[in-house]
Structure formats: C-alpha cells, structure tokens
Amino acid sequence: MKSRWKSLVRERNRLVHSDLIDYDLETSEGRIRLSEKLDAQYDRISALLSEVAGTQKGYALAMGILQQFHESEEPKSLLSIEANGS
C-alpha cells in the first residue's frame, strides 16, 4: 500500500511541476484530457483511502478484542493453567 501512495504522490507532483504544461488549457480538448487524467488519479486515491479505512476499522476491532481479553479473567485463568502444568 505504501508504494502505491508514493507512486500517486510522484505522479501528482510530476503533473503539477512539469506535465501540466503538456495540457493546452485554452482548448476544450486539453481541458478534457486533463480532467480525465485527474479523474483517473481521483479513482485510485479513493480506492486507497477505502483500503486505509478498512485497515483502520480492522485495527480498531482487533484492539477492542484485545482490550476485552486483557480486562477479562481469561488471561489469569490461562496463566494459572500453565503454572499448574495442565
């Protein structure tokens, strides 16, 4: 995922700092080409943001489960079983 973010950042920086001159913004065709390029980037960025959101939800869920486990009596019970050799 990190490499895809880096790639999108490089692509956007290249567009803003050098490739933008390749688009003739005085013509409808040039504006349409640029719009299509930006729309494609937007779609890739949106997909990555959705992936990040899903990862965050999974992490939060896992942390909640770990916290519940930690606050329960189960860890003490498991340690007791190990200490007794059972």
Protein backbone atom coordinates (compact mmCIF):
# COMPACT_ATOMS: atom_id res chain seq x y z
CA MET A 1 0.00 0.00 0.00
CA LYS A 2 2.83 2.41 0.88
CA SER A 3 4.40 2.04 -2.55
CA ARG A 4 1.07 2.85 -4.23
CA TRP A 5 0.77 6.03 -2.14
CA LYS A 6 4.33 7.02 -3.07
CA SER A 7 3.59 6.36 -6.72
CA LEU A 8 0.47 8.55 -6.63
CA VAL A 9 2.37 11.35 -4.88
CA ARG A 10 5.14 11.18 -7.50
CA GLU A 11 2.56 11.18 -10.29
CA ARG A 12 0.71 14.16 -8.83
CA ASN A 13 3.95 16.09 -8.23
CA ARG A 14 5.09 15.35 -11.78
CA LEU A 15 1.75 16.59 -13.12
CA VAL A 16 1.83 19.80 -11.10
CA HIS A 17 5.51 20.61 -11.58
CA SER A 18 6.23 19.50 -15.13
CA ASP A 19 3.49 17.66 -17.05
CA LEU A 20 0.81 20.33 -16.68
CA ILE A 21 2.44 22.27 -19.50
CA ASP A 22 1.56 19.37 -21.84
CA TYR A 23 -2.12 20.20 -21.49
CA ASP A 24 -3.48 23.08 -23.54
CA LEU A 25 -5.94 24.60 -21.11
CA GLU A 26 -7.04 27.08 -23.75
CA THR A 27 -8.82 24.33 -25.67
CA SER A 28 -11.72 22.12 -24.75
CA GLU A 29 -9.73 19.03 -25.78
CA GLY A 30 -6.82 19.95 -23.49
CA ARG A 31 -9.11 20.57 -20.55
CA ILE A 32 -10.92 17.28 -21.18
CA ARG A 33 -7.60 15.36 -21.31
CA LEU A 34 -6.51 16.93 -18.02
CA SER A 35 -9.88 16.25 -16.46
CA GLU A 36 -9.68 12.59 -17.49
CA LYS A 37 -6.18 12.32 -16.01
CA LEU A 38 -7.32 13.90 -12.74
CA ASP A 39 -10.42 11.70 -12.61
CA ALA A 40 -8.28 8.57 -13.02
CA GLN A 41 -5.99 9.74 -10.21
CA TYR A 42 -9.01 10.51 -8.04
CA ASP A 43 -10.34 6.98 -8.57
CA ARG A 44 -7.01 5.44 -7.50
CA ILE A 45 -6.75 7.75 -4.48
CA SER A 46 -10.34 6.94 -3.44
CA ALA A 47 -9.62 3.21 -3.67
CA LEU A 48 -6.54 3.59 -1.46
CA LEU A 49 -8.46 5.71 1.05
CA SER A 50 -11.13 3.00 1.25
CA GLU A 51 -8.41 0.42 1.85
CA VAL A 52 -6.91 2.57 4.62
CA ALA A 53 -10.34 3.00 6.21
CA GLY A 54 -10.85 -0.78 6.16
CA THR A 55 -7.43 -1.34 7.70
CA GLN A 56 -8.20 1.20 10.43
CA LYS A 57 -11.53 -0.48 11.20
CA GLY A 58 -9.82 -3.87 11.40
CA TYR A 59 -7.12 -2.49 13.69
CA ALA A 60 -9.69 -0.83 15.96
CA LEU A 61 -11.71 -4.06 16.12
CA ALA A 62 -8.62 -6.10 16.97
CA MET A 63 -7.58 -3.62 19.65
CA GLY A 64 -11.06 -3.76 21.17
CA ILE A 65 -10.96 -7.54 21.29
CA LEU A 66 -7.50 -7.50 22.86
CA GLN A 67 -8.65 -4.96 25.43
CA GLN A 68 -11.68 -7.08 26.32
CA PHE A 69 -9.47 -10.13 26.66
CA HIS A 70 -6.99 -8.24 28.82
CA GLU A 71 -9.74 -6.93 31.11
CA SER A 72 -11.36 -10.35 31.47
CA GLU A 73 -10.37 -13.16 33.81
CA GLU A 74 -9.24 -15.32 30.90
CA PRO A 75 -5.54 -14.25 30.93
CA LYS A 76 -5.31 -15.08 34.65
CA SER A 77 -7.02 -18.39 34.00
CA LEU A 78 -4.59 -19.27 31.20
CA LEU A 79 -1.60 -18.32 33.34
CA SER A 80 -2.95 -20.45 36.16
CA ILE A 81 -3.31 -23.45 33.83
CA GLU A 82 0.29 -23.03 32.61
CA ALA A 83 1.61 -22.65 36.15
CA ASN A 84 -0.14 -25.84 37.22
CA GLY A 85 1.24 -27.73 34.24
CA SER A 86 -2.18 -28.60 32.88
